């Protein structure tokens, strides 16, 4: 009869082995996804070149930024909050600048 201690050790070893396998497969999956993304980009680029499709640099930068935002798991609410804060800051600067300018006219 197998003791509980022996079964415990056997189970611990099985779990450790599975965890190692999962980590290894997870890393392989991540690498495969990167390769897939690179190939998709290459195929799209080849297609666009063949069809004579091109975009200006600003649009390419916007696409790159959008891709980074999506990859970072940033939510639409995060983006809305960012723009709201940006608008508030610009509004405050404009108001302050206007007040200084108006003040100079009254002197």
PDB file of N, CA and C in Angstrom:
ATOM      1  N   UNK A   1       0.839  -1.180   0.000  1.00  0.00           N
ATOM      2  CA  UNK A   1       0.000   0.000   0.000  1.00  0.00           C
ATOM      3  C   UNK A   1       0.890   1.252   0.000  1.00  0.00           C
ATOM      4  N   UNK A   2       0.505   2.243  -0.828  1.00  0.00           N
ATOM      5  CA  UNK A   2       1.273   3.478  -0.967  1.00  0.00           C
ATOM      6  C   UNK A   2       0.851   4.449   0.122  1.00  0.00           C
ATOM      7  N   UNK A   3       1.841   5.033   0.773  1.00  0.00           N
ATOM      8  CA  UNK A   3       1.533   5.965   1.861  1.00  0.00           C
ATOM      9  C   UNK A   3       1.064   7.309   1.298  1.00  0.00           C
ATOM     10  N   UNK A   4       0.385   8.048   2.153  1.00  0.00           N
ATOM     11  CA  UNK A   4      -0.077   9.384   1.771  1.00  0.00           C
ATOM     12  C   UNK A   4       1.098  10.304   1.450  1.00  0.00           C
ATOM     13  N   UNK A   5       2.199  10.142   2.176  1.00  0.00           N
ATOM     14  CA  UNK A   5       3.387  10.960   1.919  1.00  0.00           C
ATOM     15  C   UNK A   5       3.912  10.727   0.511  1.00  0.00           C
ATOM     16  N   UNK A   6       3.941   9.473   0.095  1.00  0.00           N
ATOM     17  CA  UNK A   6       4.416   9.131  -1.244  1.00  0.00           C
ATOM     18  C   UNK A   6       3.489   9.720  -2.301  1.00  0.00           C
ATOM     19  N   UNK A   7       2.182   9.595  -2.083  1.00  0.00           N
ATOM     20  CA  UNK A   7       1.215  10.160  -3.031  1.00  0.00           C
ATOM     21  C   UNK A   7       1.334  11.680  -3.094  1.00  0.00           C
ATOM     22  N   UNK A   8       1.561  12.291  -1.930  1.00  0.00           N
ATOM     23  CA  UNK A   8       1.723  13.741  -1.863  1.00  0.00           C
ATOM     24  C   UNK A   8       2.926  14.183  -2.700  1.00  0.00           C
ATOM     25  N   UNK A   9       4.050  13.522  -2.513  1.00  0.00           N
ATOM     26  CA  UNK A   9       5.258  13.862  -3.262  1.00  0.00           C
ATOM     27  C   UNK A   9       5.065  13.630  -4.765  1.00  0.00           C
ATOM     28  N   UNK A  10       4.414  12.531  -5.109  1.00  0.00           N
ATOM     29  CA  UNK A  10       4.153  12.226  -6.518  1.00  0.00           C
ATOM     30  C   UNK A  10       3.276  13.303  -7.145  1.00  0.00           C
ATOM     31  N   UNK A  11       2.237  13.700  -6.432  1.00  0.00           N
ATOM     32  CA  UNK A  11       1.327  14.729  -6.934  1.00  0.00           C
ATOM     33  C   UNK A  11       2.038  16.078  -7.077  1.00  0.00           C
ATOM     34  N   UNK A  12       2.888  16.422  -6.113  1.00  0.00           N
ATOM     35  CA  UNK A  12       3.658  17.671  -6.197  1.00  0.00           C
ATOM     36  C   UNK A  12       4.541  17.674  -7.441  1.00  0.00           C
ATOM     37  N   UNK A  13       5.182  16.526  -7.715  1.00  0.00           N
ATOM     38  CA  UNK A  13       6.049  16.414  -8.892  1.00  0.00           C
ATOM     39  C   UNK A  13       5.241  16.544 -10.187  1.00  0.00           C
ATOM     40  N   UNK A  14       4.055  15.919 -10.215  1.00  0.00           N
ATOM     41  CA  UNK A  14       3.201  16.005 -11.401  1.00  0.00           C
ATOM     42  C   UNK A  14       2.769  17.454 -11.654  1.00  0.00           C
ATOM     43  N   UNK A  15       2.395  18.132 -10.589  1.00  0.00           N
ATOM     44  CA  UNK A  15       1.968  19.531 -10.704  1.00  0.00           C
ATOM     45  C   UNK A  15       3.120  20.400 -11.202  1.00  0.00           C
ATOM     46  N   UNK A  16       4.295  20.216 -10.632  1.00  0.00           N
ATOM     47  CA  UNK A  16       5.463  20.997 -11.053  1.00  0.00           C
ATOM     48  C   UNK A  16       5.775  20.748 -12.530  1.00  0.00           C
ATOM     49  N   UNK A  17       5.676  19.499 -12.948  1.00  0.00           N
ATOM     50  CA  UNK A  17       5.941  19.139 -14.339  1.00  0.00           C
ATOM     51  C   UNK A  17       4.924  19.806 -15.268  1.00  0.00           C
ATOM     52  N   UNK A  18       3.658  19.780 -14.877  1.00  0.00           N
ATOM     53  CA  UNK A  18       2.610  20.409 -15.690  1.00  0.00           C
ATOM     54  C   UNK A  18       2.790  21.924 -15.755  1.00  0.00           C
ATOM     55  N   UNK A  19       3.148  22.528 -14.621  1.00  0.00           N
ATOM     56  CA  UNK A  19       3.364  23.980 -14.599  1.00  0.00           C
ATOM     57  C   UNK A  19       4.496  24.368 -15.546  1.00  0.00           C
ATOM     58  N   UNK A  20       5.562  23.582 -15.540  1.00  0.00           N
ATOM     59  CA  UNK A  20       6.692  23.839 -16.435  1.00  0.00           C
ATOM     60  C   UNK A  20       6.255  23.720 -17.888  1.00  0.00           C
ATOM     61  N   UNK A  21       5.479  22.694 -18.186  1.00  0.00           N
ATOM     62  CA  UNK A  21       4.986  22.480 -19.543  1.00  0.00           C
ATOM     63  C   UNK A  21       4.081  23.635 -19.980  1.00  0.00           C
ATOM     64  N   UNK A  22       3.195  24.060 -19.097  1.00  0.00           N
ATOM     65  CA  UNK A  22       2.281  25.163 -19.409  1.00  0.00           C
ATOM     66  C   UNK A  22       3.059  26.447 -19.668  1.00  0.00           C
ATOM     67  N   UNK A  23       4.050  26.740 -18.836  1.00  0.00           N
ATOM     68  CA  UNK A  23       4.862  27.947 -19.032  1.00  0.00           C
ATOM     69  C   UNK A  23       5.581  27.892 -20.375  1.00  0.00           C
ATOM     70  N   UNK A  24       6.122  26.736 -20.695  1.00  0.00           N
ATOM     71  CA  UNK A  24       6.846  26.562 -21.951  1.00  0.00           C
ATOM     72  C   UNK A  24       5.904  26.755 -23.143  1.00  0.00           C
ATOM     73  N   UNK A  25       4.748  26.122 -23.086  1.00  0.00           N
ATOM     74  CA  UNK A  25       3.776  26.238 -24.173  1.00  0.00           C
ATOM     75  C   UNK A  25       3.234  27.660 -24.281  1.00  0.00           C
ATOM     76  N   UNK A  26       3.065  28.314 -23.151  1.00  0.00           N
ATOM     77  CA  UNK A  26       2.583  29.693 -23.144  1.00  0.00           C
ATOM     78  C   UNK A  26       3.578  30.609 -23.849  1.00  0.00           C
ATOM     79  N   UNK A  27       4.857  30.400 -23.594  1.00  0.00           N
ATOM     80  CA  UNK A  27       5.904  31.194 -24.235  1.00  0.00           C
ATOM     81  C   UNK A  27       5.927  30.922 -25.739  1.00  0.00           C
ATOM     82  N   UNK A  28       5.777  29.651 -26.109  1.00  0.00           N
ATOM     83  CA  UNK A  28       5.742  29.293 -27.529  1.00  0.00           C
ATOM     84  C   UNK A  28       4.548  29.953 -28.218  1.00  0.00           C
ATOM     85  N   UNK A  29       3.404  29.947 -27.545  1.00  0.00           N
ATOM     86  CA  UNK A  29       2.198  30.562 -28.097  1.00  0.00           C
ATOM     87  C   UNK A  29       2.398  32.059 -28.300  1.00  0.00           C
ATOM     88  N   UNK A  30       2.997  32.706 -27.310  1.00  0.00           N
ATOM     89  CA  UNK A  30       3.263  34.144 -27.402  1.00  0.00           C
ATOM     90  C   UNK A  30       4.173  34.441 -28.595  1.00  0.00           C
ATOM     91  N   UNK A  31       5.210  33.641 -28.757  1.00  0.00           N
ATOM     92  CA  UNK A  31       6.134  33.822 -29.884  1.00  0.00           C
ATOM     93  C   UNK A  31       5.441  33.578 -31.224  1.00  0.00           C
ATOM     94  N   UNK A  32       4.585  32.547 -31.269  1.00  0.00           N
ATOM     95  CA  UNK A  32       3.848  32.258 -32.499  1.00  0.00           C
ATOM     96  C   UNK A  32       2.913  33.412 -32.858  1.00  0.00           C
ATOM     97  N   UNK A  33       2.284  34.015 -31.862  1.00  0.00           N
ATOM     98  CA  UNK A  33       1.384  35.147 -32.116  1.00  0.00           C
ATOM     99  C   UNK A  33       2.161  36.343 -32.658  1.00  0.00           C
ATOM    100  N   UNK A  34       3.373  36.562 -32.131  1.00  0.00           N
ATOM    101  CA  UNK A  34       4.217  37.653 -32.646  1.00  0.00           C
ATOM    102  C   UNK A  34       4.571  37.400 -34.106  1.00  0.00           C
ATOM    103  N   UNK A  35       4.953  36.147 -34.412  1.00  0.00           N
ATOM    104  CA  UNK A  35       5.303  35.794 -35.790  1.00  0.00           C
ATOM    105  C   UNK A  35       4.102  35.983 -36.711  1.00  0.00           C
ATOM    106  N   UNK A  36       2.927  35.576 -36.244  1.00  0.00           N
ATOM    107  CA  UNK A  36       1.703  35.726 -37.027  1.00  0.00           C
ATOM    108  C   UNK A  36       1.438  37.200 -37.323  1.00  0.00           C
ATOM    109  N   UNK A  37       1.571  38.036 -36.318  1.00  0.00           N
ATOM    110  CA  UNK A  37       1.349  39.471 -36.495  1.00  0.00           C
ATOM    111  C   UNK A  37       2.333  40.055 -37.512  1.00  0.00           C
ATOM    112  N   UNK A  38       3.592  39.638 -37.419  1.00  0.00           N
ATOM    113  CA  UNK A  38       4.603  40.124 -38.366  1.00  0.00           C
ATOM    114  C   UNK A  38       4.280  39.683 -39.794  1.00  0.00           C
ATOM    115  N   UNK A  39       3.843  38.435 -39.937  1.00  0.00           N
ATOM    116  CA  UNK A  39       3.489  37.934 -41.265  1.00  0.00           C
ATOM    117  C   UNK A  39       2.262  38.647 -41.814  1.00  0.00           C
ATOM    118  N   UNK A  40       1.274  38.883 -40.954  1.00  0.00           N
ATOM    119  CA  UNK A  40       0.081  39.609 -41.391  1.00  0.00           C
ATOM    120  C   UNK A  40       0.461  41.008 -41.881  1.00  0.00           C
ATOM    121  N   UNK A  41       1.347  41.657 -41.149  1.00  0.00           N
ATOM    122  CA  UNK A  41       1.806  42.990 -41.537  1.00  0.00           C
ATOM    123  C   UNK A  41       2.533  42.935 -42.879  1.00  0.00           C
ATOM    124  N   UNK A  42       3.386  41.930 -43.053  1.00  0.00           N
ATOM    125  CA  UNK A  42       4.133  41.784 -44.308  1.00  0.00           C
ATOM    126  C   UNK A  42       3.188  41.532 -45.480  1.00  0.00           C
ATOM    127  N   UNK A  43       2.205  40.662 -45.273  1.00  0.00           N
ATOM    128  CA  UNK A  43       1.244  40.348 -46.336  1.00  0.00           C
ATOM    129  C   UNK A  43       0.446  41.599 -46.701  1.00  0.00           C
ATOM    130  N   UNK A  44      -0.008  42.334 -45.688  1.00  0.00           N
ATOM    131  CA  UNK A  44      -0.775  43.556 -45.936  1.00  0.00           C
ATOM    132  C   UNK A  44       0.081  44.581 -46.677  1.00  0.00           C
ATOM    133  N   UNK A  45       1.329  44.713 -46.266  1.00  0.00           N
ATOM    134  CA  UNK A  45       2.242  45.658 -46.908  1.00  0.00           C
ATOM    135  C   UNK A  45       2.467  45.289 -48.374  1.00  0.00           C
ATOM    136  N   UNK A  46       2.678  43.998 -48.630  1.00  0.00           N
ATOM    137  CA  UNK A  46       2.866  43.531 -50.005  1.00  0.00           C
ATOM    138  C   UNK A  46       1.626  43.813 -50.848  1.00  0.00           C
ATOM    139  N   UNK A  47       0.462  43.552 -50.277  1.00  0.00           N
ATOM    140  CA  UNK A  47      -0.798  43.794 -50.988  1.00  0.00           C
ATOM    141  C   UNK A  47      -0.953  45.281 -51.314  1.00  0.00           C
ATOM    142  N   UNK A  48      -0.678  46.131 -50.319  1.00  0.00           N
ATOM    143  CA  UNK A  48      -0.820  47.572 -50.517  1.00  0.00           C
ATOM    144  C   UNK A  48       0.151  48.074 -51.582  1.00  0.00           C
ATOM    145  N   UNK A  49       1.368  47.559 -51.570  1.00  0.00           N
ATOM    146  CA  UNK A  49       2.361  47.948 -52.573  1.00  0.00           C
ATOM    147  C   UNK A  49       1.895  47.516 -53.962  1.00  0.00           C
ATOM    148  N   UNK A  50       1.427  46.278 -54.050  1.00  0.00           N
ATOM    149  CA  UNK A  50       0.955  45.730 -55.326  1.00  0.00           C
ATOM    150  C   UNK A  50      -0.219  46.544 -55.874  1.00  0.00           C
ATOM    151  N   UNK A  51      -1.119  46.955 -54.984  1.00  0.00           N
ATOM    152  CA  UNK A  51      -2.308  47.700 -55.392  1.00  0.00           C
ATOM    153  C   UNK A  51      -2.069  49.207 -55.483  1.00  0.00           C
ATOM    154  N   UNK A  52      -0.883  49.648 -55.117  1.00  0.00           N
ATOM    155  CA  UNK A  52      -0.572  51.071 -55.176  1.00  0.00           C
ATOM    156  C   UNK A  52      -1.248  51.884 -54.082  1.00  0.00           C
ATOM    157  N   UNK A  53      -1.535  51.248 -52.956  1.00  0.00           N
ATOM    158  CA  UNK A  53      -2.185  51.926 -51.831  1.00  0.00           C
ATOM    159  C   UNK A  53      -1.105  52.453 -50.897  1.00  0.00           C
ATOM    160  N   UNK A  54      -1.226  53.721 -50.520  1.00  0.00           N
ATOM    161  CA  UNK A  54      -0.261  54.274 -49.567  1.00  0.00           C
ATOM    162  C   UNK A  54      -0.964  55.277 -48.658  1.00  0.00           C
ATOM    163  N   UNK A  55      -0.364  55.528 -47.521  1.00  0.00           N
ATOM    164  CA  UNK A  55      -0.907  56.465 -46.542  1.00  0.00           C
ATOM    165  C   UNK A  55       0.166  57.469 -46.184  1.00  0.00           C
ATOM    166  N   UNK A  56      -0.252  58.665 -45.791  1.00  0.00           N
ATOM    167  CA  UNK A  56       0.742  59.647 -45.366  1.00  0.00           C
ATOM    168  C   UNK A  56       1.309  59.252 -44.001  1.00  0.00           C
ATOM    169  N   UNK A  57       2.437  59.828 -43.647  1.00  0.00           N
ATOM    170  CA  UNK A  57       3.149  59.467 -42.410  1.00  0.00           C
ATOM    171  C   UNK A  57       2.293  59.686 -41.167  1.00  0.00           C
ATOM    172  N   UNK A  58       1.525  60.769 -41.137  1.00  0.00           N
ATOM    173  CA  UNK A  58       0.704  61.068 -39.970  1.00  0.00           C
ATOM    174  C   UNK A  58      -0.314  59.955 -39.728  1.00  0.00           C
ATOM    175  N   UNK A  59      -0.938  59.476 -40.807  1.00  0.00           N
ATOM    176  CA  UNK A  59      -1.914  58.401 -40.676  1.00  0.00           C
ATOM    177  C   UNK A  59      -1.241  57.124 -40.175  1.00  0.00           C
ATOM    178  N   UNK A  60      -0.041  56.838 -40.681  1.00  0.00           N
ATOM    179  CA  UNK A  60       0.703  55.656 -40.231  1.00  0.00           C
ATOM    180  C   UNK A  60       1.013  55.753 -38.737  1.00  0.00           C
ATOM    181  N   UNK A  61       1.376  56.953 -38.285  1.00  0.00           N
ATOM    182  CA  UNK A  61       1.658  57.152 -36.860  1.00  0.00           C
ATOM    183  C   UNK A  61       0.401  56.949 -36.026  1.00  0.00           C
ATOM    184  N   UNK A  62      -0.742  57.423 -36.545  1.00  0.00           N
ATOM    185  CA  UNK A  62      -2.005  57.239 -35.837  1.00  0.00           C
ATOM    186  C   UNK A  62      -2.348  55.756 -35.729  1.00  0.00           C
ATOM    187  N   UNK A  63      -2.142  55.016 -36.812  1.00  0.00           N
ATOM    188  CA  UNK A  63      -2.399  53.573 -36.782  1.00  0.00           C
ATOM    189  C   UNK A  63      -1.494  52.876 -35.778  1.00  0.00           C
ATOM    190  N   UNK A  64      -0.236  53.264 -35.767  1.00  0.00           N
ATOM    191  CA  UNK A  64       0.724  52.676 -34.840  1.00  0.00           C
ATOM    192  C   UNK A  64       0.305  52.949 -33.398  1.00  0.00           C
ATOM    193  N   UNK A  65      -0.104  54.177 -33.135  1.00  0.00           N
ATOM    194  CA  UNK A  65      -0.556  54.537 -31.791  1.00  0.00           C
ATOM    195  C   UNK A  65      -1.809  53.758 -31.417  1.00  0.00           C
ATOM    196  N   UNK A  66      -2.745  53.639 -32.346  1.00  0.00           N
ATOM    197  CA  UNK A  66      -3.976  52.885 -32.081  1.00  0.00           C
ATOM    198  C   UNK A  66      -3.651  51.429 -31.758  1.00  0.00           C
ATOM    199  N   UNK A  67      -2.705  50.868 -32.482  1.00  0.00           N
ATOM    200  CA  UNK A  67      -2.294  49.476 -32.247  1.00  0.00           C
ATOM    201  C   UNK A  67      -1.707  49.325 -30.843  1.00  0.00           C
ATOM    202  N   UNK A  68      -0.866  50.282 -30.435  1.00  0.00           N
ATOM    203  CA  UNK A  68      -0.271  50.245 -29.097  1.00  0.00           C
ATOM    204  C   UNK A  68      -1.344  50.373 -28.022  1.00  0.00           C
ATOM    205  N   UNK A  69      -2.308  51.253 -28.251  1.00  0.00           N
ATOM    206  CA  UNK A  69      -3.389  51.444 -27.275  1.00  0.00           C
ATOM    207  C   UNK A  69      -4.186  50.155 -27.127  1.00  0.00           C
ATOM    208  N   UNK A  70      -4.515  49.516 -28.254  1.00  0.00           N
ATOM    209  CA  UNK A  70      -5.287  48.274 -28.188  1.00  0.00           C
ATOM    210  C   UNK A  70      -4.491  47.179 -27.490  1.00  0.00           C
ATOM    211  N   UNK A  71      -3.207  47.108 -27.754  1.00  0.00           N
ATOM    212  CA  UNK A  71      -2.361  46.084 -27.130  1.00  0.00           C
ATOM    213  C   UNK A  71      -2.215  46.310 -25.636  1.00  0.00           C
ATOM    214  N   UNK A  72      -2.321  47.558 -25.205  1.00  0.00           N
ATOM    215  CA  UNK A  72      -2.126  47.871 -23.786  1.00  0.00           C
ATOM    216  C   UNK A  72      -3.383  47.647 -22.957  1.00  0.00           C
ATOM    217  N   UNK A  73      -4.467  47.242 -23.588  1.00  0.00           N
ATOM    218  CA  UNK A  73      -5.741  46.996 -22.898  1.00  0.00           C
ATOM    219  C   UNK A  73      -6.330  48.288 -22.322  1.00  0.00           C
ATOM    220  N   UNK A  74      -5.968  49.417 -22.913  1.00  0.00           N
ATOM    221  CA  UNK A  74      -6.534  50.691 -22.498  1.00  0.00           C
ATOM    222  C   UNK A  74      -7.995  50.713 -22.923  1.00  0.00           C
ATOM    223  N   UNK A  75      -8.856  51.145 -22.026  1.00  0.00           N
ATOM    224  CA  UNK A  75     -10.282  51.157 -22.339  1.00  0.00           C
ATOM    225  C   UNK A  75     -10.680  52.469 -23.000  1.00  0.00           C
ATOM    226  N   UNK A  76     -11.854  52.465 -23.619  1.00  0.00           N
ATOM    227  CA  UNK A  76     -12.379  53.693 -24.218  1.00  0.00           C
ATOM    228  C   UNK A  76     -12.554  54.763 -23.150  1.00  0.00           C
ATOM    229  N   UNK A  77     -12.938  54.340 -21.955  1.00  0.00           N
ATOM    230  CA  UNK A  77     -13.128  55.299 -20.866  1.00  0.00           C
ATOM    231  C   UNK A  77     -11.801  55.939 -20.476  1.00  0.00           C
ATOM    232  N   UNK A  78     -10.721  55.146 -20.452  1.00  0.00           N
ATOM    233  CA  UNK A  78      -9.392  55.700 -20.158  1.00  0.00           C
ATOM    234  C   UNK A  78      -9.035  56.788 -21.168  1.00  0.00           C
ATOM    235  N   UNK A  79      -9.304  56.507 -22.432  1.00  0.00           N
ATOM    236  CA  UNK A  79      -8.989  57.468 -23.489  1.00  0.00           C
ATOM    237  C   UNK A  79      -9.854  58.716 -23.348  1.00  0.00           C
ATOM    238  N   UNK A  80     -11.147  58.522 -23.087  1.00  0.00           N
ATOM    239  CA  UNK A  80     -12.054  59.660 -22.904  1.00  0.00           C
ATOM    240  C   UNK A  80     -11.605  60.513 -21.721  1.00  0.00           C
ATOM    241  N   UNK A  81     -11.214  59.858 -20.634  1.00  0.00           N
ATOM    242  CA  UNK A  81     -10.731  60.592 -19.456  1.00  0.00           C
ATOM    243  C   UNK A  81      -9.478  61.389 -19.798  1.00  0.00           C
ATOM    244  N   UNK A  82      -8.578  60.782 -20.559  1.00  0.00           N
ATOM    245  CA  UNK A  82      -7.350  61.468 -20.959  1.00  0.00           C
ATOM    246  C   UNK A  82      -7.670  62.722 -21.765  1.00  0.00           C
ATOM    247  N   UNK A  83      -8.560  62.580 -22.754  1.00  0.00           N
ATOM    248  CA  UNK A  83      -8.897  63.740 -23.576  1.00  0.00           C
ATOM    249  C   UNK A  83      -9.649  64.795 -22.780  1.00  0.00           C
ATOM    250  N   UNK A  84     -10.476  64.363 -21.838  1.00  0.00           N
ATOM    251  CA  UNK A  84     -11.183  65.327 -20.996  1.00  0.00           C
ATOM    252  C   UNK A  84     -10.176  66.124 -20.175  1.00  0.00           C
ATOM    253  N   UNK A  85      -9.188  65.446 -19.620  1.00  0.00           N
ATOM    254  CA  UNK A  85      -8.154  66.145 -18.854  1.00  0.00           C
ATOM    255  C   UNK A  85      -7.344  67.070 -19.755  1.00  0.00           C
ATOM    256  N   UNK A  86      -7.027  66.603 -20.957  1.00  0.00           N
ATOM    257  CA  UNK A  86      -6.271  67.428 -21.905  1.00  0.00           C
ATOM    258  C   UNK A  86      -7.053  68.675 -22.274  1.00  0.00           C
ATOM    259  N   UNK A  87      -8.352  68.511 -22.540  1.00  0.00           N
ATOM    260  CA  UNK A  87      -9.193  69.652 -22.901  1.00  0.00           C
ATOM    261  C   UNK A  87      -9.287  70.635 -21.745  1.00  0.00           C
ATOM    262  N   UNK A  88      -9.403  70.111 -20.520  1.00  0.00           N
ATOM    263  CA  UNK A  88      -9.459  70.984 -19.345  1.00  0.00           C
ATOM    264  C   UNK A  88      -8.173  71.786 -19.216  1.00  0.00           C
ATOM    265  N   UNK A  89      -7.042  71.141 -19.448  1.00  0.00           N
ATOM    266  CA  UNK A  89      -5.746  71.820 -19.333  1.00  0.00           C
ATOM    267  C   UNK A  89      -5.611  72.895 -20.406  1.00  0.00           C
ATOM    268  N   UNK A  90      -5.997  72.572 -21.631  1.00  0.00           N
ATOM    269  CA  UNK A  90      -5.930  73.547 -22.722  1.00  0.00           C
ATOM    270  C   UNK A  90      -6.884  74.695 -22.446  1.00  0.00           C
ATOM    271  N   UNK A  91      -8.080  74.374 -21.958  1.00  0.00           N
ATOM    272  CA  UNK A  91      -9.074  75.398 -21.641  1.00  0.00           C
ATOM    273  C   UNK A  91      -8.556  76.332 -20.553  1.00  0.00           C
ATOM    274  N   UNK A  92      -7.927  75.778 -19.538  1.00  0.00           N
ATOM    275  CA  UNK A  92      -7.388  76.586 -18.441  1.00  0.00           C
ATOM    276  C   UNK A  92      -6.262  77.480 -18.952  1.00  0.00           C
ATOM    277  N   UNK A  93      -5.390  76.934 -19.811  1.00  0.00           N
ATOM    278  CA  UNK A  93      -4.297  77.738 -20.377  1.00  0.00           C
ATOM    279  C   UNK A  93      -4.847  78.866 -21.235  1.00  0.00           C
ATOM    280  N   UNK A  94      -5.845  78.574 -22.034  1.00  0.00           N
ATOM    281  CA  UNK A  94      -6.448  79.584 -22.908  1.00  0.00           C
ATOM    282  C   UNK A  94      -7.089  80.682 -22.077  1.00  0.00           C
ATOM    283  N   UNK A  95      -7.804  80.278 -21.035  1.00  0.00           N
ATOM    284  CA  UNK A  95      -8.473  81.248 -20.167  1.00  0.00           C
ATOM    285  C   UNK A  95      -7.435  82.147 -19.492  1.00  0.00           C
ATOM    286  N   UNK A  96      -6.361  81.542 -18.982  1.00  0.00           N
ATOM    287  CA  UNK A  96      -5.309  82.306 -18.305  1.00  0.00           C
ATOM    288  C   UNK A  96      -4.635  83.261 -19.283  1.00  0.00           C
ATOM    289  N   UNK A  97      -4.355  82.784 -20.484  1.00  0.00           N
ATOM    290  CA  UNK A  97      -3.721  83.613 -21.507  1.00  0.00           C
ATOM    291  C   UNK A  97      -4.630  84.773 -21.896  1.00  0.00           C
ATOM    292  N   UNK A  98      -5.919  84.501 -22.031  1.00  0.00           N
ATOM    293  CA  UNK A  98      -6.894  85.538 -22.382  1.00  0.00           C
ATOM    294  C   UNK A  98      -6.968  86.584 -21.292  1.00  0.00           C
ATOM    295  N   UNK A  99      -6.960  86.143 -20.040  1.00  0.00           N
ATOM    296  CA  UNK A  99      -7.036  87.080 -18.920  1.00  0.00           C
ATOM    297  C   UNK A  99      -5.805  87.983 -18.905  1.00  0.00           C
ATOM    298  N   UNK A 100      -4.620  87.433 -19.171  1.00  0.00           N
ATOM    299  CA  UNK A 100      -3.395  88.238 -19.199  1.00  0.00           C
ATOM    300  C   UNK A 100      -3.449  89.248 -20.334  1.00  0.00           C
ATOM    301  N   UNK A 101      -3.915  88.795 -21.496  1.00  0.00           N
ATOM    302  CA  UNK A 101      -4.003  89.674 -22.662  1.00  0.00           C
ATOM    303  C   UNK A 101      -4.991  90.799 -22.409  1.00  0.00           C
ATOM    304  N   UNK A 102      -6.158  90.460 -21.856  1.00  0.00           N
ATOM    305  CA  UNK A 102      -7.167  91.476 -21.564  1.00  0.00           C
ATOM    306  C   UNK A 102      -6.656  92.450 -20.521  1.00  0.00           C
ATOM    307  N   UNK A 103      -5.915  91.966 -19.562  1.00  0.00           N
ATOM    308  CA  UNK A 103      -5.354  92.812 -18.518  1.00  0.00           C
ATOM    309  C   UNK A 103      -4.389  93.825 -19.095  1.00  0.00           C
ATOM    310  N   UNK A 104      -3.631  93.434 -20.090  1.00  0.00           N
ATOM    311  CA  UNK A 104      -2.662  94.340 -20.721  1.00  0.00           C
ATOM    312  C   UNK A 104      -3.350  95.460 -21.490  1.00  0.00           C
ATOM    313  N   UNK A 105      -4.535  95.194 -22.037  1.00  0.00           N
ATOM    314  CA  UNK A 105      -5.254  96.212 -22.792  1.00  0.00           C
ATOM    315  C   UNK A 105      -5.809  97.306 -21.898  1.00  0.00           C
ATOM    316  N   UNK A 106      -6.114  96.967 -20.660  1.00  0.00           N
ATOM    317  CA  UNK A 106      -6.721  97.930 -19.749  1.00  0.00           C
ATOM    318  C   UNK A 106      -5.698  98.828 -19.083  1.00  0.00           C
ATOM    319  N   UNK A 107      -4.428  98.522 -19.210  1.00  0.00           N
ATOM    320  CA  UNK A 107      -3.382  99.287 -18.522  1.00  0.00           C
ATOM    321  C   UNK A 107      -3.112 100.594 -19.188  1.00  0.00           C
TER     322      UNK A 107
END
